[in-house]
Each structure stands twice: as structure tokens, then as C-alpha cells.
Amino acid sequence: MALQNKGSWASLKVGITALVAMVLLAVLIFLITGQTTLFEDKSSIVTYLDDSAALTEGSAVRLNGILVGKVEKITLSGSNEPRRVVRIDLKVGEKWFPSIPVDSVAALGAENLLGTKYINIKKGRSPQTVKAGAEIASLDTREFDEVVQQGYSLLGSLQGILKKVDGIVGQVEVGKGSIGKLLVDEEIYNKLLSVVNEVDGLTKAINRGEGTVGKLLKDEKLYGDVRGSLAKVDTLLVGLQEGQGTAGKLLKDPALYEDMRGAIKDVRTILAGIERGEGSAGKLLKSPEMHDKVVSTIARLDLMLDRLNQGQGTLGQLLVNPQMYDNLNGATREMQGLMKDFRANPKKFLRIQLKLF
């Protein structure tokens, strides 16, 4: 009998433990899924929508993003009026009612583009607040549907991009393209390694002061020469700034500046006079009579050149007639011979006679 009582007591303890565990599990499930206080006083308020947009019972109800309750029931209202087709009963903690003005509006929201839907109540500005069983206005769900459709389009675009990226990665893995060859081709790897080694050797040589670049970095004498050159340049710039030398005077001398302004003004005056047709240059540019004379002179010069090319006149014969050229050449040679004889024996050509009357 004692063993039987002992067995019954053990079974009772197991049952009590299981019951407590089930109660605790139910409370945990309620807290995890409902996300609200277990023993909080709640009342219902109502809103109407044109479309529930896959909203489910038990979804969260938020007040400006803060959790205040859950969706209790979603049913058809029986009305065909726009934005009153679906009736949604909201179970909200009574402590939140003083924070919900009567001109607040309810709208569908989502955790992300394709996440869990919820009702978000946006607070109004009225001093009066809702009571249990009150109705609050709602926003049009078409804008939310458009956002969801844009989300689908965005996901489609992202999926296309991911497919392209996957194709590129696949080609790289099999060694196609420059990047693929760089990853899998041993020859390219060896060449790249050789280039890196050469760069490393060059860097070490520069650090040792070898070569032109190394000397530029390591040679103290060259550094001193560069500093001296920079000092001279700095002195030159200071002299220019102080107006020394020709270049300095060009930069600093106001008299020279005024002279240049005067010269530019004179040039402008001359150009204006030419533009008005004054002076020889102005008449040459502006006078029709001068233009006609120049054209006539050029025409006569062109005619004279044509005649010369045709052998007309003495100059023309001289240019085109070989006999005339030979005669002139012979006369020139005879004149040179005569002058030569005259220089050799001038008495032969000069005689002085004195006669008395």
C-alpha cells in the first residue's frame, strides 16, 4: 500500500510539473508572438480599409511606430464604399487611449518591402482622444500597394544583377578573362611575381642611393644644390615683389603701367582713325578710289609681266632671246678686256697735246 501511495504521489508531481511547464510555455509563446503585456486591460477600436494587403490577425498595431496592441479581427464590412470594404478590429491597451487623438489615421505598414504587415496609427492634433469602440480614419492603401510593387520590381532587378554577377564569377573560376587568368594561370602569376620582385629590387636600389632617383633621394650634395637653387628662386621672387630689375619694374612701377596704358590708348586711337578712313592706311582700307587705283596698278603690272614673259620689249628680249643674252655677254667681255688694257697701259689711251696760237 505504501508503494502504491508513493507511485501515485510521483505521478502527481510529474503531472503538476508538466502542467506548470505547459503554462510557462504558453505564456512565453504569447509574449513572443503578441509582444504585449499579458494582464494589460485592452479595448477595441475600429478602422476600415479598401484592401487588407495580406494583413493577418495578430499583426502588430503601432502608434507612431510604438507597439500598442494587435489586430484582433479582419472581416469584410459588407459595404462597397471606397476605403470601407474591409473592417479591421484593433485590440489596443487602454493606457494608450489618452495618447490617440480622434483625428488620428491608421495606415498599413511593413517591416521592409516584403516583410510582415502591421497597422501604424499616426497621431493627430485634436485635444479629444478616442474611446473604446471608436472608429479612426484610414489612409488609402493604393500607395502601399505601389510601394510593394516597386519592391517586387527592385527585387527583380537585383535578381538579374545577381545572375550576371554569378555568371562573371563562374567565368573567373574557370579562368576566363583577364581576372580569371590572373587567378588560375600560373604563367601570369609568375610574371606578376617577377614584376613585383623587380619593383622590390628597384626600391632597394633607390633606398641605397643608386641611380638618378636614388641620388636625388640620398645625395646630400645634390640636396644642397637643390636648396641653393630654391633659395635663388626665392630671392628672385622677393626682388620681383619689391620691384627690382626690369621684370620687377614691369610688375610694380606705376609710371611704366601708365606708359603702357598710354601706348595702348594711342594704338586704339590709330586703329580708330584707320577704321574711319583717316591717313594713308585708312584710305587704303576705306577709300573706293584708292582701291580702284591699287587694282588698276596691279592689273598693269600683271600685263607688263605677261609681255615680258612673251619676249616683248628690251627686257622681254633679254629674258627670252638667247642672241640678245649672248650679245650682251660679249659686250660685257669686251668691256672687261678694255678696262684691263686701260689699267695696264693708260698712256696708250690718254694723249695731251699743247698748241700755241
Foldseek 3Di string as FASTA:
>chain_A
DVVVVVVVVVVVVVVVVVVVVVVVVVVVVCCVQLVDDDPFDKFKEKEFAQDPVPADWSAFEEEQNHTFWTWHDWDAPPDPDHGHGIMIITIGGPVCQQVAQQAWEWEWDAPDLPHHIYIYIYHDDDNHTDDGHYYYYYDHCVVVVVSNVVVVVVVVVVVVVVVVVVVVVVCLCVQPDPNSCCVPPPVNVVVVVVVVVVVVVVVVCLCVLDDPNSVCVPPPVNVVVVVVVVVVVVVVVVCLCVQPDPNSCVVPVVVVVVVVVVVVVVVVVVVVCLCVQPDPNSCCVPPVVNVVVVVVVVVVVVVVVVCLCVQPDPNSCCVPPVVSVVVVVVVVVVVVVVVVVCVVDVVVVDDDDDDDD
